[in-house]
Amino acid sequence: MVATVAAAAGTAEASPNFDQTLELNPNDATILVHDGLKFWQFMIAGSIAGSVEHMAMFPVDTLKTRMQAISSSSKTPSSITLRQSLGSIMKLEGLKGFYRGIAAMGLGAGPAHAVYFSVYESCKKFLSSGNPNNSMAHAASGVFATVASDAVLTPMDVVKQRLQLKGSPYKGVGDCVKRVFMEEGFGAFYMSYRTTVVMNAPFTAIHFATYEAAKRALMKVSPESGGDDDESLLVHATAGAAAGALAAAITTPLDVVKTQLQCQGVCGCDRFSSSSIGNVIQTIAKKDGYSGLMRGWIPRMLFHAPAAAICWSTYEAVKSFFLQLNGKPGSIN
């Protein structure tokens, strides 16, 4: 999740051990920022962290998609549990059923995270006016970065979710892209873009607020954890997991809307007369009640909690690698 990695960068800036100084590399006149890392190194660290996070948790994402995309005309769709969905995939498709569509996520996650960081860092530098602790600049930069990264990821997310559906008619990523474009037009790839942006805004806000609060609470419980690399990483991972789980639960209704828009008309999924968020919410609530808007909330939480920890760990590991490559001590703050 880009918000998780962005929280990592933002938190590092606030750390008392964090080097706020801009350094100039005499060899290529490249400005080094944040812990002595080059800008492109942060982009790579974020891309790798985001890719590993999504790929590792992909089976849980498949469960979430299956539960959210169930047609309202199906038999008691709202009553289908996580266990039933898991059993159905294992029985009918085996383990490979959990990984159908993973190639689309692999193609989209890396570039999307790279775009996120390039926009985030550029906007933060412009808006912060030299103040590294300007929280408003960080928040605004996060919004701009989300809008840009979602523009990159959304088309592949559409392909990924359609391939994840039970009985998906597509042979693979290429076939799905070709058929969607030929049958529905280019606009189909961005049908859920507005919903995705609207969802990620509160997700990021809740994630950041909860993360900082949880981190402060954990530091009070165990003050010595701030000075040890392993314990500090554990604090970051625990706070990130709590933040990811809460943000995921609260924004589930918008995620259901996104999934329904991306999968409409495929494998029996409902079609909507408009891509308006309000129209989709009203349609789902009318057929399934408001409980239909919470379909898949458990796997969504199960996805984001460990995903945050995985993202943190990977991000910091890659940062440490680059620090050593640059000839600087690779410590995690």
Protein backbone atom coordinates (compact mmCIF):
# COMPACT_ATOMS: atom_id res chain seq x y z
CA MET A 1 0.00 0.00 0.00
CA VAL A 2 1.51 3.32 -1.03
CA ALA A 3 0.13 5.01 2.09
CA THR A 4 2.09 2.60 4.26
CA VAL A 5 5.38 3.32 2.54
CA ALA A 6 4.67 7.05 2.51
CA ALA A 7 4.08 6.84 6.25
CA ALA A 8 7.49 5.26 6.52
CA ALA A 9 9.14 8.16 4.73
CA GLY A 10 7.14 10.74 6.65
CA THR A 11 7.91 9.11 10.00
CA ALA A 12 11.58 8.92 9.24
CA GLU A 13 11.59 12.67 8.73
CA ALA A 14 10.19 13.19 12.21
CA SER A 15 12.68 10.83 13.84
CA PRO A 16 15.32 12.52 16.05
CA ASN A 17 17.99 10.34 14.46
CA PHE A 18 16.95 11.25 10.96
CA ASP A 19 19.36 13.27 8.83
CA GLN A 20 17.49 16.28 7.49
CA THR A 21 20.53 17.69 5.69
CA LEU A 22 20.64 17.90 1.93
CA GLU A 23 23.95 16.53 0.64
CA LEU A 24 25.56 17.18 -2.69
CA ASN A 25 27.31 14.37 -4.48
CA PRO A 26 30.45 15.90 -6.05
CA ASN A 27 30.56 13.23 -8.74
CA ASP A 28 27.23 13.82 -10.40
CA ALA A 29 25.80 16.84 -8.54
CA THR A 30 22.79 14.75 -7.53
CA ILE A 31 21.05 15.94 -4.40
CA LEU A 32 20.82 13.25 -1.75
CA VAL A 33 17.89 13.50 0.64
CA HIS A 34 16.51 11.56 3.59
CA ASP A 35 19.12 9.40 5.28
CA GLY A 36 21.64 10.00 2.51
CA LEU A 37 19.61 8.16 -0.14
CA LYS A 38 19.18 9.37 -3.68
CA PHE A 39 15.70 10.17 -4.92
CA TRP A 40 15.66 7.25 -7.36
CA GLN A 41 16.66 4.90 -4.56
CA PHE A 42 13.59 5.85 -2.58
CA MET A 43 11.47 5.25 -5.67
CA ILE A 44 12.96 1.76 -6.08
CA ALA A 45 12.56 1.00 -2.37
CA GLY A 46 8.90 2.02 -2.52
CA SER A 47 8.28 0.08 -5.73
CA ILE A 48 9.81 -3.11 -4.35
CA ALA A 49 7.99 -2.75 -1.03
CA GLY A 50 4.62 -2.19 -2.75
CA SER A 51 5.12 -5.08 -5.15
CA VAL A 52 6.18 -7.52 -2.41
CA GLU A 53 3.26 -6.43 -0.24
CA HIS A 54 0.63 -7.01 -2.93
CA MET A 55 2.13 -10.23 -4.26
CA ALA A 56 2.53 -11.78 -0.80
CA MET A 57 -1.06 -11.00 0.20
CA PHE A 58 -2.63 -11.76 -3.19
CA PRO A 59 -4.58 -14.89 -2.07
CA VAL A 60 -6.37 -12.83 0.59
CA ASP A 61 -7.11 -10.15 -2.01
CA THR A 62 -8.68 -12.84 -4.21
CA LEU A 63 -10.98 -13.87 -1.36
CA LYS A 64 -11.99 -10.25 -0.84
CA THR A 65 -12.73 -9.73 -4.52
CA ARG A 66 -14.84 -12.91 -4.74
CA MET A 67 -16.92 -11.88 -1.73
CA GLN A 68 -17.44 -8.30 -2.91
CA ALA A 69 -18.23 -9.05 -6.55
CA ILE A 70 -21.07 -11.50 -5.89
CA SER A 71 -24.14 -10.58 -7.90
CA SER A 72 -27.07 -9.25 -5.95
CA SER A 73 -29.23 -11.77 -7.77
CA SER A 74 -27.27 -14.69 -6.31
CA LYS A 75 -28.64 -16.72 -3.45
CA THR A 76 -28.15 -14.91 -0.14
CA PRO A 77 -24.95 -13.19 -1.28
CA SER A 78 -24.50 -11.29 1.96
CA SER A 79 -24.39 -14.52 3.99
CA ILE A 80 -21.40 -16.03 2.20
CA THR A 81 -18.58 -16.26 4.72
CA LEU A 82 -14.83 -16.16 4.40
CA ARG A 83 -14.66 -19.90 5.14
CA GLN A 84 -17.21 -20.72 2.43
CA SER A 85 -15.36 -18.62 -0.11
CA LEU A 86 -12.04 -20.20 0.84
CA GLY A 87 -13.49 -23.71 0.65
CA SER A 88 -15.11 -23.05 -2.71
CA ILE A 89 -11.86 -21.89 -4.31
CA MET A 90 -9.85 -24.78 -2.86
CA LYS A 91 -12.41 -27.37 -3.94
CA LEU A 92 -13.09 -26.14 -7.46
CA GLU A 93 -9.83 -24.47 -8.50
CA GLY A 94 -7.09 -25.49 -6.11
CA LEU A 95 -4.25 -23.23 -5.01
CA LYS A 96 -3.83 -21.71 -8.47
CA GLY A 97 -7.28 -20.17 -8.10
CA PHE A 98 -5.92 -17.83 -5.44
CA TYR A 99 -3.23 -16.48 -7.78
CA ARG A 100 -5.20 -15.88 -10.95
CA GLY A 101 -4.54 -12.27 -11.98
CA ILE A 102 -1.32 -11.88 -9.99
CA ALA A 103 0.58 -10.97 -13.18
CA ALA A 104 -1.62 -7.88 -13.61
CA MET A 105 -0.83 -6.75 -10.09
CA GLY A 106 2.86 -7.40 -10.70
CA LEU A 107 2.75 -5.14 -13.75
CA GLY A 108 0.85 -2.36 -12.01
CA ALA A 109 2.12 -2.19 -8.42
CA GLY A 110 5.75 -1.34 -9.13
CA PRO A 111 5.15 1.57 -11.55
CA ALA A 112 2.29 2.90 -9.41
CA HIS A 113 4.47 3.05 -6.31
CA ALA A 114 7.29 4.66 -8.27
CA VAL A 115 4.91 7.34 -9.54
CA TYR A 116 3.56 7.81 -6.01
CA PHE A 117 6.98 8.54 -4.61
CA SER A 118 8.10 10.78 -7.45
CA VAL A 119 4.97 12.93 -7.08
CA TYR A 120 4.97 12.75 -3.26
CA GLU A 121 8.57 13.86 -2.86
CA SER A 122 8.32 16.55 -5.56
CA CYS A 123 5.15 18.06 -4.09
CA LYS A 124 6.47 17.82 -0.54
CA LYS A 125 9.65 19.68 -1.49
CA PHE A 126 7.62 22.40 -3.22
CA LEU A 127 4.89 22.76 -0.57
CA SER A 128 6.91 22.37 2.64
CA SER A 129 8.92 25.58 2.08
CA GLY A 130 11.96 24.05 3.74
CA ASN A 131 10.06 22.83 6.82
CA PRO A 132 10.45 19.01 7.02
CA ASN A 133 7.77 18.79 9.74
CA ASN A 134 5.02 20.54 7.78
CA SER A 135 2.20 18.01 8.22
CA MET A 136 -0.18 19.94 5.94
CA ALA A 137 2.38 19.78 3.13
CA HIS A 138 2.76 16.04 3.67
CA ALA A 139 -1.02 15.52 3.60
CA ALA A 140 -1.48 17.60 0.44
CA SER A 141 1.46 15.83 -1.20
CA GLY A 142 -0.11 12.49 -0.32
CA VAL A 143 -3.36 13.50 -2.04
CA PHE A 144 -1.58 14.54 -5.24
CA ALA A 145 0.50 11.36 -5.14
CA THR A 146 -2.60 9.21 -4.67
CA VAL A 147 -4.39 10.79 -7.63
CA ALA A 148 -1.34 10.18 -9.85
CA SER A 149 -0.53 6.64 -8.69
CA ASP A 150 -4.16 5.52 -8.91
CA ALA A 151 -4.20 6.69 -12.53
CA VAL A 152 -1.39 4.22 -13.20
CA LEU A 153 -2.69 1.32 -11.11
CA THR A 154 -6.44 1.43 -11.82
CA PRO A 155 -6.36 -0.16 -15.32
CA MET A 156 -4.29 -3.12 -14.07
CA ASP A 157 -6.51 -3.34 -10.99
CA VAL A 158 -9.52 -3.72 -13.28
CA VAL A 159 -7.76 -6.52 -15.16
CA LYS A 160 -6.63 -8.15 -11.92
CA GLN A 161 -10.10 -8.19 -10.39
CA ARG A 162 -11.77 -9.53 -13.52
CA LEU A 163 -9.26 -12.38 -13.66
CA GLN A 164 -9.91 -13.13 -9.98
CA LEU A 165 -13.61 -13.77 -10.52
CA LYS A 166 -14.98 -17.29 -10.34
CA GLY A 167 -15.31 -18.62 -13.89
CA SER A 168 -13.50 -15.62 -15.37
CA PRO A 169 -13.88 -15.72 -19.20
CA TYR A 170 -10.43 -14.24 -19.79
CA LYS A 171 -7.38 -16.38 -20.61
CA GLY A 172 -4.87 -13.99 -19.12
CA VAL A 173 -3.76 -10.38 -18.77
CA GLY A 174 -3.29 -9.78 -22.50
CA ASP A 175 -6.61 -11.37 -23.43
CA CYS A 176 -8.44 -9.38 -20.74
CA VAL A 177 -6.91 -6.06 -21.82
CA LYS A 178 -7.74 -6.75 -25.48
CA ARG A 179 -11.32 -7.86 -24.88
CA VAL A 180 -12.19 -5.09 -22.44
CA PHE A 181 -10.83 -2.49 -24.86
CA MET A 182 -12.60 -3.99 -27.89
CA GLU A 183 -15.92 -4.73 -26.17
CA GLU A 184 -16.26 -1.89 -23.66
CA GLY A 185 -13.83 0.80 -24.77
CA PHE A 186 -10.89 2.48 -23.06
CA GLY A 187 -13.17 4.13 -20.50
CA ALA A 188 -13.90 0.74 -18.89
CA PHE A 189 -10.38 0.71 -17.46
CA TYR A 190 -11.13 3.92 -15.55
CA MET A 191 -14.77 3.31 -14.61
CA SER A 192 -13.77 3.02 -10.93
CA TYR A 193 -11.02 5.66 -10.90
CA ARG A 194 -13.10 8.32 -9.14
CA THR A 195 -14.23 5.81 -6.51
CA THR A 196 -10.66 4.64 -6.00
CA VAL A 197 -9.40 8.18 -5.39
CA VAL A 198 -12.32 8.99 -3.09
CA MET A 199 -11.64 5.77 -1.15
CA ASN A 200 -7.90 6.26 -0.84
CA ALA A 201 -8.21 9.80 0.53
CA PRO A 202 -9.93 8.80 3.81
CA PHE A 203 -7.93 5.55 3.87
CA THR A 204 -4.68 7.51 3.87
CA ALA A 205 -5.94 10.02 6.44
CA ILE A 206 -7.13 7.29 8.83
CA HIS A 207 -3.98 5.27 8.23
CA PHE A 208 -1.63 8.16 9.00
CA ALA A 209 -3.57 9.30 12.10
CA THR A 210 -3.90 5.79 13.53
CA TYR A 211 -0.30 4.93 12.71
CA GLU A 212 1.11 7.94 14.54
CA ALA A 213 -1.20 7.42 17.54
CA ALA A 214 -0.36 3.70 17.78
CA LYS A 215 3.36 4.39 17.44
CA ARG A 216 3.28 6.97 20.24
CA ALA A 217 1.34 4.58 22.48
CA LEU A 218 3.79 1.74 21.83
CA MET A 219 6.76 4.02 22.49
CA LYS A 220 5.25 5.00 25.85
CA VAL A 221 4.77 1.36 26.79
CA SER A 222 8.34 0.49 25.76
CA PRO A 223 10.47 3.69 25.53
CA GLU A 224 13.68 1.74 24.95
CA SER A 225 12.29 0.36 21.65
CA GLY A 226 13.13 3.63 19.92
CA GLY A 227 16.86 3.02 20.12
CA ASP A 228 17.11 -0.57 18.94
CA ASP A 229 16.82 -1.33 15.24
CA ASP A 230 14.91 -4.60 15.67
CA GLU A 231 12.53 -3.26 18.32
CA SER A 232 12.02 -0.02 16.40
CA LEU A 233 11.08 -2.00 13.29
CA LEU A 234 8.64 -4.03 15.41
CA VAL A 235 7.00 -0.83 16.66
CA HIS A 236 6.67 0.47 13.09
CA ALA A 237 5.26 -2.83 11.85
CA THR A 238 2.77 -3.17 14.75
CA ALA A 239 1.55 0.41 14.45
CA GLY A 240 1.31 0.05 10.68
CA ALA A 241 -0.69 -3.17 10.97
CA ALA A 242 -3.17 -1.58 13.37
CA ALA A 243 -3.52 1.47 11.13
CA GLY A 244 -3.99 -0.65 8.02
CA ALA A 245 -6.66 -2.83 9.62
CA LEU A 246 -8.72 0.11 10.92
CA ALA A 247 -8.48 2.12 7.70
CA ALA A 248 -9.44 -0.97 5.69
CA ALA A 249 -12.53 -1.69 7.79
CA ILE A 250 -13.84 1.89 7.65
CA THR A 251 -13.36 2.26 3.89
CA THR A 252 -14.79 -1.16 2.96
CA PRO A 253 -18.07 0.25 1.52
CA LEU A 254 -16.13 2.29 -1.04
CA ASP A 255 -13.98 -0.73 -1.85
CA VAL A 256 -17.15 -2.74 -2.51
CA VAL A 257 -18.34 0.00 -4.87
CA LYS A 258 -14.97 -0.05 -6.66
CA THR A 259 -15.05 -3.82 -7.09
CA GLN A 260 -18.63 -3.80 -8.35
CA LEU A 261 -17.83 -1.11 -10.92
CA GLN A 262 -14.71 -2.89 -12.13
CA CYS A 263 -16.40 -6.28 -12.49
CA GLN A 264 -19.85 -5.23 -13.70
CA GLY A 265 -21.30 -7.41 -16.41
CA VAL A 266 -18.65 -10.14 -15.96
CA CYS A 267 -19.50 -13.59 -14.57
CA GLY A 268 -23.02 -12.49 -13.69
CA CYS A 269 -22.01 -9.37 -11.77
CA ASP A 270 -24.57 -6.56 -11.76
CA ARG A 271 -24.41 -3.73 -14.28
CA PHE A 272 -25.01 -0.15 -13.20
CA SER A 273 -26.63 2.64 -15.17
CA SER A 274 -24.07 5.10 -13.86
CA SER A 275 -20.57 5.03 -12.38
CA SER A 276 -21.75 7.44 -9.69
CA ILE A 277 -20.73 6.29 -6.22
CA GLY A 278 -24.12 7.28 -4.84
CA ASN A 279 -25.96 5.31 -7.52
CA VAL A 280 -23.95 2.13 -6.85
CA ILE A 281 -24.37 2.45 -3.06
CA GLN A 282 -28.12 2.97 -3.49
CA THR A 283 -28.42 -0.04 -5.80
CA ILE A 284 -26.50 -2.35 -3.46
CA ALA A 285 -28.35 -1.13 -0.37
CA LYS A 286 -31.73 -1.58 -2.08
CA LYS A 287 -31.05 -5.21 -3.05
CA ASP A 288 -28.89 -6.45 -0.15
CA GLY A 289 -29.36 -3.85 2.57
CA TYR A 290 -26.50 -1.78 3.93
CA SER A 291 -24.80 -4.98 5.09
CA GLY A 292 -24.07 -5.61 1.41
CA LEU A 293 -21.68 -2.66 1.51
CA MET A 294 -19.55 -4.46 4.09
CA ARG A 295 -18.99 -7.62 2.06
CA GLY A 296 -15.40 -8.75 2.28
CA TRP A 297 -14.48 -6.54 5.25
CA ILE A 298 -12.77 -9.41 7.08
CA PRO A 299 -10.39 -10.42 4.25
CA ARG A 300 -9.83 -6.70 3.54
CA MET A 301 -8.64 -6.23 7.13
CA LEU A 302 -6.67 -9.47 6.97
CA PHE A 303 -5.00 -8.12 3.83
CA HIS A 304 -4.02 -4.67 5.06
CA ALA A 305 -2.80 -5.58 8.56
CA PRO A 306 0.02 -7.97 7.54
CA ALA A 307 0.51 -6.08 4.26
CA ALA A 308 1.54 -3.00 6.25
CA ALA A 309 4.07 -5.02 8.24
CA ILE A 310 5.44 -6.63 5.05
CA CYS A 311 5.66 -3.26 3.33
CA TRP A 312 7.49 -1.68 6.26
CA SER A 313 9.97 -4.52 6.57
CA THR A 314 10.74 -4.61 2.85
CA TYR A 315 10.99 -0.86 2.55
CA GLU A 316 13.45 -0.55 5.43
CA ALA A 317 15.50 -3.52 4.20
CA VAL A 318 15.91 -1.97 0.74
CA LYS A 319 16.77 1.38 2.33
CA SER A 320 19.47 -0.30 4.41
CA PHE A 321 20.85 -1.97 1.28
CA PHE A 322 21.13 1.36 -0.51
CA LEU A 323 22.68 3.02 2.55
CA GLN A 324 25.41 0.39 2.57
CA LEU A 325 25.79 0.78 -1.19
CA ASN A 326 26.28 4.51 -0.69
CA GLY A 327 28.88 3.85 2.00
CA LYS A 328 26.69 5.03 4.87
CA PRO A 329 25.67 3.10 8.02
CA GLY A 330 22.46 1.16 7.36
CA SER A 331 20.39 1.83 10.42
CA ILE A 332 16.63 1.80 10.72
CA ASN A 333 15.15 4.69 12.66
